[in-house]
Each structure stands twice: as C-alpha cells, then as structure tokens.
Amino acid sequence: MRQLYIVIITTLVFSGELLGQNSYRPGLFFREDWKETPAEIPLNQNHVKDTELTVQLYGDGIDSLKKSHHDKPDDDPFYVWSGLCLGNWMVTLKHRTKNVDLTEFAKIKIRTKQSGLRELRISLKLANGNWLVSDLSAGSSKDWQITEFNIQDIVWHKLDAKRITETGVANDPDISNVEEIGFTDLVPGGKSSASSRLDWIEVYGKPVLR
C-alpha cells in the first residue's frame, strides 16, 4: 500500500511539473513599482525599484516628468506624473539582459489615474528598432484603476519615438522580440486637471535572450 501511495504522489508531482512547463500562459516578465522615495523631478534611474531594469525617457517633455508622492491620503502611491510636461513624453523600461516575446497570451497590466482627456497607452520598442503604440488605453478616472491589456486585442500603430506621435497602423508587426516596454499619452501635461499617473506596470511574456 505504501508503494502505491508513493507511485500516486510521484505521478501527481510529475504531472504538475509538466503542466507548469507546458502552460500556454506566460509568467511575469517584470513588475516595476518605483522606489518609495521623496517626490523628485525629473524621473530617473534612481527611482527604479527592480535592479534588472533600466528606465528610458523620450520626447521634449521628459525634463519635467515627476516621480510623485503625497503624504495624504495615507495610501497615496509612488508614481510617475506627467502634469508639468511642456512637450510630448514617453517612459519605457528595458531588462538588462533579456527581451520579451509578447505574442499569443501575453498581457500587460497597469495601475493608473488619468485626469482630463488623457488616455495612457502601451508603447513598445522592437529588437529591430521599430516603435509601436497601442490603440487600447486606460482613460480618466476619479480613483486609481487597474487596466489589463490582452496583447492579442491590440491594434498596433507605428510610433515616432522622437516626436512621440503615432504615424498610422502597423500591419502585422512582429512582437516576438521586444526590447523596451513603456507608456505614453501622446500629449503634453496640463497640470493636475489634465495629466497621466502610473503607479505600477506588470508585463507577462516569455523571456528572449538578447
């Protein structure tokens, strides 16, 4: 009887390992939640919590991007804020050694709070140097909200990474090897009444050796 139990347990463990190895849903590639440090302008590498990530900034408005935080309310997060940006802006994160495959069931989740007409979108830099921005976005809300992007649902648009503006639909882009993942609302800031805020970002995809 004892041998039967051992066989059953071994079979269950082995089956579980196989299920984990063959799962069609990719695991967490990275999560960035920003360091809990005092508010500062501009956003920079010192604010990045994950030591495996580097932050990249693009656009004319980046000198005024703020890593923000307030003492009240008590649960106010440490977040990126675009309200003071005089030009278009974009923030991306890049893993130090790996790219990521965002095909099939990859996902990106963000916790944000936009005001005014701001729509925060996902941006990608592909390994071939091309840039994309998502048609789907996280819109304005009175409180913090979590938005989950199913990558398969996104219609990607070509992105001019210098001007931070979209330049038309990208037909069937290859997102199997992505170098940088970020966010932008494609417009300057309008102070507190018209701005974007990002608390954290999670990327679920398959790692690709660079």
N, C-alpha and C. Protein backbone atom coordinates (compact mmCIF):
# COMPACT_ATOMS: atom_id res chain seq x y z
N MET A 1 0.82 -1.21 0.00
CA MET A 1 0.00 0.00 0.00
C MET A 1 0.86 1.27 0.00
N ARG A 2 1.93 1.22 0.80
CA ARG A 2 2.83 2.36 0.86
C ARG A 2 3.45 2.65 -0.51
N GLN A 3 3.82 1.59 -1.22
CA GLN A 3 4.40 1.77 -2.56
C GLN A 3 3.39 2.39 -3.52
N LEU A 4 2.11 2.03 -3.35
CA LEU A 4 1.07 2.61 -4.20
C LEU A 4 0.94 4.10 -3.96
N TYR A 5 1.00 4.50 -2.68
CA TYR A 5 0.93 5.93 -2.34
C TYR A 5 2.09 6.69 -2.97
N ILE A 6 3.27 6.08 -2.91
CA ILE A 6 4.46 6.73 -3.47
C ILE A 6 4.29 6.92 -4.98
N VAL A 7 3.78 5.89 -5.65
CA VAL A 7 3.57 5.97 -7.09
C VAL A 7 2.57 7.06 -7.43
N ILE A 8 1.47 7.13 -6.66
CA ILE A 8 0.43 8.14 -6.91
C ILE A 8 0.98 9.55 -6.71
N ILE A 9 1.70 9.76 -5.59
CA ILE A 9 2.25 11.09 -5.28
C ILE A 9 3.26 11.50 -6.34
N THR A 10 4.14 10.56 -6.73
CA THR A 10 5.14 10.85 -7.76
C THR A 10 4.49 11.22 -9.08
N THR A 11 3.41 10.51 -9.43
CA THR A 11 2.69 10.79 -10.67
C THR A 11 2.07 12.18 -10.64
N LEU A 12 1.46 12.54 -9.49
CA LEU A 12 0.83 13.86 -9.36
C LEU A 12 1.87 14.98 -9.47
N VAL A 13 3.00 14.81 -8.78
CA VAL A 13 4.06 15.82 -8.83
C VAL A 13 4.59 15.98 -10.24
N PHE A 14 4.85 14.84 -10.90
CA PHE A 14 5.38 14.88 -12.27
C PHE A 14 4.39 15.53 -13.21
N SER A 15 3.10 15.21 -13.04
CA SER A 15 2.06 15.81 -13.90
C SER A 15 2.00 17.31 -13.69
N GLY A 16 2.13 17.73 -12.41
CA GLY A 16 2.11 19.16 -12.13
C GLY A 16 3.27 19.88 -12.77
N GLU A 17 4.45 19.25 -12.75
CA GLU A 17 5.62 19.85 -13.39
C GLU A 17 5.41 20.00 -14.89
N LEU A 18 4.82 18.96 -15.49
CA LEU A 18 4.57 19.02 -16.93
C LEU A 18 3.58 20.12 -17.27
N LEU A 19 2.53 20.24 -16.44
CA LEU A 19 1.54 21.28 -16.68
C LEU A 19 2.18 22.65 -16.60
N GLY A 20 3.10 22.81 -15.59
CA GLY A 20 3.77 24.10 -15.46
C GLY A 20 4.65 24.39 -16.66
N GLN A 21 5.36 23.35 -17.15
CA GLN A 21 6.28 23.54 -18.27
C GLN A 21 5.52 23.83 -19.56
N ASN A 22 4.33 23.24 -19.71
CA ASN A 22 3.60 23.36 -20.96
C ASN A 22 2.48 24.40 -20.90
N SER A 23 2.45 25.21 -19.85
CA SER A 23 1.40 26.20 -19.72
C SER A 23 1.45 27.17 -20.90
N TYR A 24 0.30 27.45 -21.48
CA TYR A 24 0.25 28.36 -22.61
C TYR A 24 0.22 29.81 -22.17
N ARG A 25 0.06 30.05 -20.87
CA ARG A 25 0.07 31.43 -20.36
C ARG A 25 1.46 31.78 -19.84
N PRO A 26 2.10 32.79 -20.38
CA PRO A 26 3.45 33.14 -19.93
C PRO A 26 3.43 33.74 -18.53
N GLY A 27 4.56 33.61 -17.84
CA GLY A 27 4.69 34.13 -16.48
C GLY A 27 5.05 35.61 -16.47
N LEU A 28 5.22 36.13 -15.26
CA LEU A 28 5.58 37.54 -15.09
C LEU A 28 7.01 37.78 -15.56
N PHE A 29 7.17 38.67 -16.53
CA PHE A 29 8.50 39.03 -17.03
C PHE A 29 9.12 40.09 -16.13
N PHE A 30 8.36 41.14 -15.83
CA PHE A 30 8.81 42.09 -14.82
C PHE A 30 7.62 42.87 -14.25
N ARG A 31 7.84 43.43 -13.07
CA ARG A 31 6.91 44.37 -12.45
C ARG A 31 7.74 45.54 -11.94
N GLU A 32 7.33 46.75 -12.28
CA GLU A 32 8.01 47.93 -11.75
C GLU A 32 7.02 48.75 -10.94
N ASP A 33 7.39 49.01 -9.67
CA ASP A 33 6.52 49.69 -8.71
C ASP A 33 7.15 50.97 -8.16
N TRP A 34 8.34 51.35 -8.64
CA TRP A 34 9.05 52.57 -8.27
C TRP A 34 9.43 52.58 -6.78
N LYS A 35 10.58 53.13 -6.50
CA LYS A 35 11.06 53.19 -5.12
C LYS A 35 10.22 54.17 -4.29
N GLU A 36 10.11 53.86 -3.01
CA GLU A 36 9.34 54.71 -2.10
C GLU A 36 10.27 55.79 -1.54
N THR A 37 10.58 56.74 -2.41
CA THR A 37 11.48 57.85 -2.08
C THR A 37 10.73 59.17 -2.29
N PRO A 38 11.23 60.28 -1.72
CA PRO A 38 10.53 61.56 -1.86
C PRO A 38 10.32 61.95 -3.32
N ALA A 39 9.29 62.75 -3.54
CA ALA A 39 8.99 63.24 -4.89
C ALA A 39 10.19 63.98 -5.47
N GLU A 40 10.38 63.82 -6.79
CA GLU A 40 11.56 64.42 -7.43
C GLU A 40 11.31 64.61 -8.92
N ILE A 41 11.92 65.66 -9.48
CA ILE A 41 11.91 65.92 -10.91
C ILE A 41 13.35 66.03 -11.38
N PRO A 42 13.71 65.41 -12.52
CA PRO A 42 12.88 64.54 -13.34
C PRO A 42 12.97 63.08 -12.89
N LEU A 43 12.08 62.25 -13.42
CA LEU A 43 12.17 60.80 -13.23
C LEU A 43 13.53 60.32 -13.72
N ASN A 44 14.16 59.40 -12.98
CA ASN A 44 15.48 58.90 -13.40
C ASN A 44 15.71 57.49 -12.86
N GLN A 45 16.88 56.94 -13.16
CA GLN A 45 17.19 55.55 -12.82
C GLN A 45 17.14 55.30 -11.31
N ASN A 46 17.43 56.31 -10.51
CA ASN A 46 17.40 56.14 -9.06
C ASN A 46 16.02 55.80 -8.53
N HIS A 47 14.98 56.02 -9.34
CA HIS A 47 13.62 55.75 -8.90
C HIS A 47 13.16 54.34 -9.25
N VAL A 48 13.96 53.59 -10.02
CA VAL A 48 13.57 52.26 -10.48
C VAL A 48 13.83 51.24 -9.38
N LYS A 49 12.80 50.49 -9.01
CA LYS A 49 12.90 49.52 -7.90
C LYS A 49 13.56 48.23 -8.32
N ASP A 50 13.23 47.72 -9.50
CA ASP A 50 13.79 46.45 -9.99
C ASP A 50 15.19 46.71 -10.54
N THR A 51 16.20 46.11 -9.90
CA THR A 51 17.59 46.36 -10.31
C THR A 51 17.92 45.76 -11.67
N GLU A 52 17.05 44.90 -12.20
CA GLU A 52 17.28 44.32 -13.52
C GLU A 52 16.73 45.20 -14.65
N LEU A 53 16.13 46.34 -14.31
CA LEU A 53 15.52 47.21 -15.31
C LEU A 53 16.23 48.55 -15.39
N THR A 54 16.25 49.10 -16.60
CA THR A 54 16.71 50.48 -16.79
C THR A 54 15.56 51.29 -17.37
N VAL A 55 15.45 52.53 -16.94
CA VAL A 55 14.40 53.41 -17.44
C VAL A 55 14.94 54.26 -18.58
N GLN A 56 14.14 54.41 -19.63
CA GLN A 56 14.49 55.23 -20.79
C GLN A 56 13.41 56.29 -20.95
N LEU A 57 13.81 57.52 -21.25
CA LEU A 57 12.88 58.63 -21.41
C LEU A 57 12.99 59.22 -22.81
N TYR A 58 11.84 59.54 -23.41
CA TYR A 58 11.81 60.05 -24.78
C TYR A 58 10.83 61.23 -24.88
N GLY A 59 11.16 62.17 -25.78
CA GLY A 59 10.26 63.28 -26.05
C GLY A 59 10.73 64.59 -25.45
N ASP A 60 10.16 65.69 -25.92
CA ASP A 60 10.57 67.03 -25.47
C ASP A 60 10.15 67.32 -24.03
N GLY A 61 9.19 66.56 -23.50
CA GLY A 61 8.68 66.87 -22.17
C GLY A 61 9.30 66.13 -21.02
N ILE A 62 10.34 65.33 -21.27
CA ILE A 62 10.83 64.41 -20.24
C ILE A 62 11.52 65.11 -19.07
N ASP A 63 12.05 66.32 -19.27
CA ASP A 63 12.74 67.01 -18.18
C ASP A 63 11.79 67.37 -17.04
N SER A 64 10.49 67.34 -17.32
CA SER A 64 9.52 67.71 -16.29
C SER A 64 8.70 66.52 -15.78
N LEU A 65 9.05 65.32 -16.22
CA LEU A 65 8.38 64.14 -15.67
C LEU A 65 8.71 64.01 -14.18
N LYS A 66 7.71 63.76 -13.38
CA LYS A 66 7.90 63.74 -11.93
C LYS A 66 7.65 62.35 -11.36
N LYS A 67 8.55 61.88 -10.48
CA LYS A 67 8.25 60.73 -9.63
C LYS A 67 7.59 61.33 -8.39
N SER A 68 6.27 61.17 -8.30
CA SER A 68 5.47 61.91 -7.33
C SER A 68 5.01 61.06 -6.15
N HIS A 69 4.61 61.75 -5.09
CA HIS A 69 4.02 61.11 -3.91
C HIS A 69 3.55 62.21 -2.97
N HIS A 70 2.44 61.92 -2.25
CA HIS A 70 1.92 62.86 -1.26
C HIS A 70 1.72 62.13 0.07
N ASP A 71 1.91 62.86 1.16
CA ASP A 71 1.73 62.27 2.49
C ASP A 71 0.26 61.93 2.76
N LYS A 72 -0.64 62.67 2.16
CA LYS A 72 -2.07 62.42 2.30
C LYS A 72 -2.69 62.27 0.91
N PRO A 73 -3.57 61.29 0.71
CA PRO A 73 -4.04 60.29 1.68
C PRO A 73 -2.95 59.29 2.06
N ASP A 74 -3.21 58.53 3.11
CA ASP A 74 -2.20 57.62 3.64
C ASP A 74 -1.76 56.56 2.64
N ASP A 75 -2.65 56.19 1.72
CA ASP A 75 -2.31 55.14 0.75
C ASP A 75 -1.88 55.71 -0.60
N ASP A 76 -1.48 56.98 -0.63
CA ASP A 76 -1.03 57.57 -1.89
C ASP A 76 0.21 56.83 -2.37
N PRO A 77 0.22 56.32 -3.60
CA PRO A 77 1.38 55.54 -4.08
C PRO A 77 2.53 56.43 -4.52
N PHE A 78 3.61 55.80 -4.91
CA PHE A 78 4.76 56.49 -5.50
C PHE A 78 4.64 56.26 -7.01
N TYR A 79 4.46 57.32 -7.77
CA TYR A 79 4.03 57.15 -9.15
C TYR A 79 4.69 58.17 -10.09
N VAL A 80 4.59 57.87 -11.38
CA VAL A 80 5.07 58.78 -12.43
C VAL A 80 3.92 59.72 -12.80
N TRP A 81 4.22 61.03 -12.89
CA TRP A 81 3.20 62.04 -13.17
C TRP A 81 3.66 62.95 -14.31
N SER A 82 2.74 63.21 -15.26
CA SER A 82 3.09 63.96 -16.47
C SER A 82 2.60 65.41 -16.45
N GLY A 83 1.99 65.85 -15.36
CA GLY A 83 1.30 67.12 -15.36
C GLY A 83 2.11 68.34 -15.75
N LEU A 84 3.41 68.34 -15.49
CA LEU A 84 4.25 69.51 -15.76
C LEU A 84 4.95 69.46 -17.12
N CYS A 85 4.77 68.38 -17.86
CA CYS A 85 5.48 68.20 -19.13
C CYS A 85 5.01 69.23 -20.16
N LEU A 86 5.93 70.02 -20.70
CA LEU A 86 5.60 71.04 -21.69
C LEU A 86 5.56 70.48 -23.11
N GLY A 87 6.04 69.26 -23.29
CA GLY A 87 6.01 68.60 -24.59
C GLY A 87 5.58 67.15 -24.43
N ASN A 88 5.48 66.45 -25.55
CA ASN A 88 5.13 65.04 -25.50
C ASN A 88 6.22 64.24 -24.79
N TRP A 89 5.84 63.13 -24.22
CA TRP A 89 6.76 62.36 -23.38
C TRP A 89 6.46 60.86 -23.51
N MET A 90 7.44 60.05 -23.15
CA MET A 90 7.26 58.60 -23.09
C MET A 90 8.28 58.01 -22.12
N VAL A 91 7.84 57.04 -21.32
CA VAL A 91 8.71 56.30 -20.41
C VAL A 91 8.72 54.84 -20.84
N THR A 92 9.90 54.24 -20.92
CA THR A 92 9.98 52.81 -21.18
C THR A 92 10.92 52.15 -20.17
N LEU A 93 10.77 50.83 -20.05
CA LEU A 93 11.64 50.03 -19.19
C LEU A 93 12.28 48.94 -20.02
N LYS A 94 13.55 48.69 -19.75
CA LYS A 94 14.34 47.73 -20.52
C LYS A 94 15.06 46.79 -19.57
N HIS A 95 14.87 45.48 -19.75
CA HIS A 95 15.59 44.50 -18.95
C HIS A 95 17.06 44.52 -19.35
N ARG A 96 17.95 44.33 -18.39
CA ARG A 96 19.39 44.45 -18.65
C ARG A 96 19.93 43.35 -19.56
N THR A 97 19.31 42.16 -19.55
CA THR A 97 19.88 41.04 -20.32
C THR A 97 18.88 40.35 -21.25
N LYS A 98 17.60 40.60 -21.09
CA LYS A 98 16.61 39.85 -21.85
C LYS A 98 15.61 40.77 -22.56
N ASN A 99 15.14 40.32 -23.71
CA ASN A 99 13.97 40.89 -24.37
C ASN A 99 12.77 40.02 -24.00
N VAL A 100 11.61 40.30 -24.58
CA VAL A 100 10.43 39.54 -24.23
C VAL A 100 9.57 39.27 -25.46
N ASP A 101 8.98 38.08 -25.49
CA ASP A 101 8.05 37.67 -26.53
C ASP A 101 6.63 38.00 -26.06
N LEU A 102 5.94 38.90 -26.76
CA LEU A 102 4.60 39.33 -26.36
C LEU A 102 3.51 38.76 -27.28
N THR A 103 3.80 37.63 -27.93
CA THR A 103 2.79 37.01 -28.78
C THR A 103 1.84 36.15 -27.94
N GLU A 104 0.82 35.62 -28.59
CA GLU A 104 -0.15 34.70 -28.01
C GLU A 104 -0.83 35.29 -26.78
N PHE A 105 -0.66 34.68 -25.59
CA PHE A 105 -1.43 35.09 -24.41
C PHE A 105 -0.68 36.04 -23.49
N ALA A 106 0.26 36.80 -24.02
CA ALA A 106 0.96 37.81 -23.23
C ALA A 106 -0.02 38.90 -22.78
N LYS A 107 0.29 39.50 -21.64
CA LYS A 107 -0.56 40.56 -21.08
C LYS A 107 0.31 41.66 -20.50
N ILE A 108 -0.27 42.85 -20.40
CA ILE A 108 0.35 43.95 -19.66
C ILE A 108 -0.73 44.55 -18.77
N LYS A 109 -0.39 44.75 -17.49
CA LYS A 109 -1.30 45.38 -16.54
C LYS A 109 -0.68 46.67 -16.01
N ILE A 110 -1.52 47.69 -15.83
CA ILE A 110 -1.05 48.96 -15.28
C ILE A 110 -2.05 49.48 -14.26
N ARG A 111 -1.54 50.16 -13.24
CA ARG A 111 -2.41 50.85 -12.27
C ARG A 111 -2.22 52.34 -12.48
N THR A 112 -3.28 53.02 -12.82
CA THR A 112 -3.17 54.41 -13.26
C THR A 112 -4.31 55.26 -12.72
N LYS A 113 -4.12 56.57 -12.86
CA LYS A 113 -5.20 57.53 -12.63
C LYS A 113 -4.98 58.72 -13.55
N GLN A 114 -5.80 58.82 -14.58
CA GLN A 114 -5.70 59.91 -15.54
C GLN A 114 -6.76 60.98 -15.22
N SER A 115 -6.47 62.20 -15.61
CA SER A 115 -7.44 63.28 -15.48
C SER A 115 -7.56 64.00 -16.82
N GLY A 116 -8.64 64.75 -16.98
CA GLY A 116 -8.87 65.42 -18.26
C GLY A 116 -9.16 64.41 -19.36
N LEU A 117 -8.60 64.67 -20.53
CA LEU A 117 -8.82 63.79 -21.68
C LEU A 117 -7.66 62.82 -21.90
N ARG A 118 -6.87 62.57 -20.87
CA ARG A 118 -5.68 61.75 -21.04
C ARG A 118 -6.04 60.26 -21.18
N GLU A 119 -5.38 59.61 -22.15
CA GLU A 119 -5.54 58.18 -22.41
C GLU A 119 -4.14 57.56 -22.42
N LEU A 120 -3.83 56.78 -21.40
CA LEU A 120 -2.48 56.23 -21.30
C LEU A 120 -2.38 54.93 -22.11
N ARG A 121 -1.39 54.88 -23.01
CA ARG A 121 -1.23 53.78 -23.95
C ARG A 121 0.08 53.04 -23.72
N ILE A 122 0.12 51.80 -24.18
CA ILE A 122 1.34 50.99 -24.11
C ILE A 122 2.21 51.28 -25.33
N SER A 123 3.50 51.41 -25.11
CA SER A 123 4.45 51.59 -26.22
C SER A 123 5.50 50.49 -26.17
N LEU A 124 5.99 50.11 -27.36
CA LEU A 124 6.99 49.06 -27.48
C LEU A 124 8.12 49.50 -28.40
N LYS A 125 9.34 49.12 -28.04
CA LYS A 125 10.46 49.20 -28.98
C LYS A 125 10.84 47.78 -29.33
N LEU A 126 10.77 47.44 -30.61
CA LEU A 126 11.11 46.09 -31.07
C LEU A 126 12.62 45.95 -31.21
N ALA A 127 13.08 44.70 -31.25
CA ALA A 127 14.51 44.44 -31.37
C ALA A 127 15.08 45.00 -32.67
N ASN A 128 14.24 45.15 -33.71
CA ASN A 128 14.71 45.69 -34.98
C ASN A 128 14.72 47.22 -35.01
N GLY A 129 14.37 47.85 -33.87
CA GLY A 129 14.40 49.30 -33.76
C GLY A 129 13.08 50.00 -34.04
N ASN A 130 12.09 49.28 -34.54
CA ASN A 130 10.78 49.88 -34.81
C ASN A 130 10.02 50.13 -33.51
N TRP A 131 9.16 51.16 -33.55
CA TRP A 131 8.38 51.54 -32.39
C TRP A 131 6.89 51.36 -32.67
N LEU A 132 6.13 50.96 -31.62
CA LEU A 132 4.69 50.77 -31.72
C LEU A 132 4.00 51.43 -30.54
N VAL A 133 2.73 51.81 -30.75
CA VAL A 133 1.90 52.31 -29.66
C VAL A 133 0.51 51.68 -29.80
N SER A 134 -0.14 51.39 -28.70
CA SER A 134 -1.40 50.65 -28.71
C SER A 134 -2.59 51.55 -29.01
N ASP A 135 -3.60 50.96 -29.67
CA ASP A 135 -4.86 51.67 -29.83
C ASP A 135 -5.66 51.64 -28.53
N LEU A 136 -5.53 50.56 -27.75
CA LEU A 136 -6.22 50.47 -26.47
C LEU A 136 -5.52 51.34 -25.44
N SER A 137 -6.26 51.82 -24.46
CA SER A 137 -5.70 52.75 -23.49
C SER A 137 -6.45 52.68 -22.17
N ALA A 138 -5.86 53.29 -21.15
CA ALA A 138 -6.51 53.48 -19.85
C ALA A 138 -6.94 54.94 -19.78
N GLY A 139 -8.26 55.16 -19.62
CA GLY A 139 -8.79 56.52 -19.63
C GLY A 139 -8.84 57.16 -18.26
N SER A 140 -9.50 58.30 -18.19
CA SER A 140 -9.56 59.07 -16.96
C SER A 140 -10.44 58.38 -15.92
N SER A 141 -10.14 58.62 -14.64
CA SER A 141 -10.92 58.07 -13.54
C SER A 141 -10.69 58.92 -12.30
N LYS A 142 -11.66 58.92 -11.40
CA LYS A 142 -11.56 59.70 -10.17
C LYS A 142 -10.66 59.03 -9.13
N ASP A 143 -10.42 57.74 -9.30
CA ASP A 143 -9.59 57.00 -8.36
C ASP A 143 -8.67 56.07 -9.15
N TRP A 144 -7.70 55.48 -8.47
CA TRP A 144 -6.77 54.57 -9.12
C TRP A 144 -7.51 53.37 -9.69
N GLN A 145 -7.12 52.95 -10.89
CA GLN A 145 -7.75 51.79 -11.53
C GLN A 145 -6.67 50.89 -12.13
N ILE A 146 -6.98 49.60 -12.20
CA ILE A 146 -6.08 48.62 -12.83
C ILE A 146 -6.65 48.26 -14.20
N THR A 147 -5.83 48.40 -15.22
CA THR A 147 -6.23 48.06 -16.59
C THR A 147 -5.37 46.91 -17.08
N GLU A 148 -6.04 45.87 -17.61
CA GLU A 148 -5.33 44.71 -18.16
C GLU A 148 -5.46 44.70 -19.67
N PHE A 149 -4.33 44.70 -20.35
CA PHE A 149 -4.30 44.67 -21.80
C PHE A 149 -4.02 43.24 -22.27
N ASN A 150 -4.97 42.63 -22.96
CA ASN A 150 -4.69 41.38 -23.68
C ASN A 150 -3.98 41.77 -24.97
N ILE A 151 -2.74 41.39 -25.10
CA ILE A 151 -1.94 41.86 -26.23
C ILE A 151 -2.58 41.48 -27.57
N GLN A 152 -3.26 40.33 -27.61
CA GLN A 152 -3.90 39.89 -28.85
C GLN A 152 -5.01 40.84 -29.31
N ASP A 153 -5.57 41.61 -28.37
CA ASP A 153 -6.67 42.51 -28.70
C ASP A 153 -6.21 43.87 -29.25
N ILE A 154 -4.91 44.13 -29.16
CA ILE A 154 -4.40 45.45 -29.52
C ILE A 154 -4.18 45.58 -31.02
N VAL A 155 -4.61 46.69 -31.59
CA VAL A 155 -4.20 47.09 -32.94
C VAL A 155 -3.04 48.06 -32.75
N TRP A 156 -1.87 47.67 -33.22
CA TRP A 156 -0.67 48.49 -33.02
C TRP A 156 -0.55 49.56 -34.09
N HIS A 157 -0.10 50.74 -33.68
CA HIS A 157 0.18 51.84 -34.60
C HIS A 157 1.68 52.14 -34.55
N LYS A 158 2.20 52.58 -35.68
CA LYS A 158 3.60 52.99 -35.73
C LYS A 158 3.79 54.25 -34.89
N LEU A 159 4.93 54.33 -34.22
CA LEU A 159 5.21 55.44 -33.31
C LEU A 159 6.50 56.15 -33.70
N ASP A 160 6.44 57.46 -33.81
CA ASP A 160 7.63 58.29 -33.98
C ASP A 160 8.17 58.56 -32.57
N ALA A 161 9.28 57.92 -32.21
CA ALA A 161 9.79 57.99 -30.85
C ALA A 161 10.51 59.30 -30.54
N LYS A 162 10.71 60.14 -31.54
CA LYS A 162 11.31 61.45 -31.30
C LYS A 162 10.23 62.47 -30.97
N ARG A 163 9.16 62.46 -31.77
CA ARG A 163 8.06 63.41 -31.54
C ARG A 163 6.99 62.84 -30.62
N ILE A 164 7.03 61.53 -30.35
CA ILE A 164 6.04 60.82 -29.54
C ILE A 164 4.65 61.05 -30.12
N THR A 165 4.49 60.61 -31.36
CA THR A 165 3.20 60.69 -32.03
C THR A 165 3.02 59.47 -32.92
N GLU A 166 1.78 59.02 -33.09
CA GLU A 166 1.55 57.85 -33.94
C GLU A 166 1.50 58.29 -35.40
N THR A 167 1.90 57.36 -36.29
CA THR A 167 2.02 57.70 -37.72
C THR A 167 1.30 56.69 -38.61
N GLY A 168 0.25 56.05 -38.10
CA GLY A 168 -0.51 55.12 -38.93
C GLY A 168 -0.45 53.71 -38.40
N VAL A 169 -1.35 52.88 -38.89
CA VAL A 169 -1.46 51.50 -38.43
C VAL A 169 -0.24 50.69 -38.86
N ALA A 170 0.25 49.87 -37.94
CA ALA A 170 1.35 48.94 -38.26
C ALA A 170 0.74 47.59 -38.62
N ASN A 171 0.94 47.15 -39.83
CA ASN A 171 0.34 45.91 -40.31
C ASN A 171 1.14 44.70 -39.86
N ASP A 172 0.51 43.87 -39.01
CA ASP A 172 1.10 42.60 -38.54
C ASP A 172 2.55 42.76 -38.04
N PRO A 173 2.77 43.62 -37.06
CA PRO A 173 4.13 43.77 -36.54
C PRO A 173 4.57 42.51 -35.79
N ASP A 174 5.84 42.20 -35.84
CA ASP A 174 6.39 41.03 -35.15
C ASP A 174 6.76 41.45 -33.73
N ILE A 175 5.96 41.04 -32.75
CA ILE A 175 6.22 41.40 -31.35
C ILE A 175 6.77 40.21 -30.56
N SER A 176 7.46 39.32 -31.26
CA SER A 176 8.05 38.16 -30.60
C SER A 176 9.41 38.48 -29.98
N ASN A 177 9.93 39.68 -30.22
CA ASN A 177 11.23 40.06 -29.67
C ASN A 177 11.20 41.56 -29.37
N VAL A 178 10.74 41.90 -28.15
CA VAL A 178 10.52 43.29 -27.75
C VAL A 178 11.62 43.71 -26.78
N GLU A 179 12.23 44.85 -27.04
CA GLU A 179 13.38 45.31 -26.25
C GLU A 179 12.97 46.25 -25.11
N GLU A 180 11.99 47.11 -25.35
CA GLU A 180 11.54 48.07 -24.33
C GLU A 180 10.02 48.09 -24.28
N ILE A 181 9.46 48.21 -23.07
CA ILE A 181 8.01 48.32 -22.88
C ILE A 181 7.76 49.56 -22.06
N GLY A 182 6.81 50.40 -22.52
CA GLY A 182 6.57 51.63 -21.79
C GLY A 182 5.17 52.16 -21.92
N PHE A 183 5.03 53.47 -21.69
CA PHE A 183 3.71 54.09 -21.67
C PHE A 183 3.82 55.57 -22.03
N THR A 184 2.75 56.08 -22.63
CA THR A 184 2.66 57.48 -23.03
C THR A 184 1.21 57.83 -23.29
N ASP A 185 0.86 59.10 -23.13
CA ASP A 185 -0.48 59.54 -23.53
C ASP A 185 -0.45 60.40 -24.79
N LEU A 186 0.76 60.53 -25.38
CA LEU A 186 0.96 61.20 -26.68
C LEU A 186 0.72 62.70 -26.66
N VAL A 187 0.60 63.31 -25.47
CA VAL A 187 0.36 64.76 -25.40
C VAL A 187 1.12 65.37 -24.22
N PRO A 188 1.32 66.70 -24.21
CA PRO A 188 1.93 67.36 -23.05
C PRO A 188 1.02 67.29 -21.83
N GLY A 189 1.57 67.66 -20.68
CA GLY A 189 0.79 67.70 -19.45
C GLY A 189 -0.03 68.97 -19.34
N GLY A 190 -1.08 68.90 -18.54
CA GLY A 190 -1.93 70.06 -18.28
C GLY A 190 -2.14 70.25 -16.80
N LYS A 191 -1.06 70.04 -16.03
CA LYS A 191 -1.09 70.09 -14.56
C LYS A 191 -2.06 69.05 -14.00
N SER A 192 -2.57 69.26 -12.80
CA SER A 192 -3.35 68.21 -12.14
C SER A 192 -4.66 67.90 -12.85
N SER A 193 -5.22 68.89 -13.54
CA SER A 193 -6.53 68.69 -14.16
C SER A 193 -6.47 67.98 -15.50
N ALA A 194 -5.28 67.78 -16.04
CA ALA A 194 -5.13 67.11 -17.34
C ALA A 194 -3.76 66.44 -17.39
N SER A 195 -3.69 65.23 -16.86
CA SER A 195 -2.39 64.57 -16.74
C SER A 195 -2.56 63.06 -16.59
N SER A 196 -1.44 62.35 -16.72
CA SER A 196 -1.42 60.91 -16.53
C SER A 196 -0.59 60.55 -15.31
N ARG A 197 -1.01 59.49 -14.64
CA ARG A 197 -0.30 58.97 -13.46
C ARG A 197 -0.20 57.46 -13.59
N LEU A 198 1.00 56.92 -13.38
CA LEU A 198 1.20 55.47 -13.40
C LEU A 198 1.86 55.03 -12.11
N ASP A 199 1.16 54.15 -11.37
CA ASP A 199 1.66 53.61 -10.11
C ASP A 199 2.60 52.44 -10.39
N TRP A 200 2.11 51.41 -11.12
CA TRP A 200 2.96 50.26 -11.43
C TRP A 200 2.58 49.66 -12.77
N ILE A 201 3.50 48.86 -13.30
CA ILE A 201 3.28 48.15 -14.56
C ILE A 201 3.79 46.73 -14.41
N GLU A 202 3.01 45.76 -14.91
CA GLU A 202 3.40 44.35 -14.95
C GLU A 202 3.37 43.87 -16.39
N VAL A 203 4.39 43.12 -16.78
CA VAL A 203 4.49 42.57 -18.14
C VAL A 203 4.57 41.05 -18.03
N TYR A 204 3.64 40.37 -18.70
CA TYR A 204 3.61 38.91 -18.73
C TYR A 204 3.95 38.44 -20.14
N GLY A 205 5.12 37.80 -20.26
CA GLY A 205 5.58 37.33 -21.57
C GLY A 205 6.74 36.36 -21.40
N LYS A 206 7.16 35.77 -22.50
CA LYS A 206 8.23 34.78 -22.48
C LYS A 206 9.58 35.47 -22.70
N PRO A 207 10.55 35.26 -21.78
CA PRO A 207 11.86 35.89 -21.95
C PRO A 207 12.56 35.43 -23.22
N VAL A 208 13.30 36.36 -23.83
CA VAL A 208 14.08 36.08 -25.04
C VAL A 208 15.50 36.57 -24.77
N LEU A 209 16.48 35.72 -24.94
CA LEU A 209 17.87 36.14 -24.73
C LEU A 209 18.25 37.19 -25.76
N ARG A 210 18.86 38.27 -25.30
CA ARG A 210 19.25 39.35 -26.19
C ARG A 210 20.60 39.03 -26.84
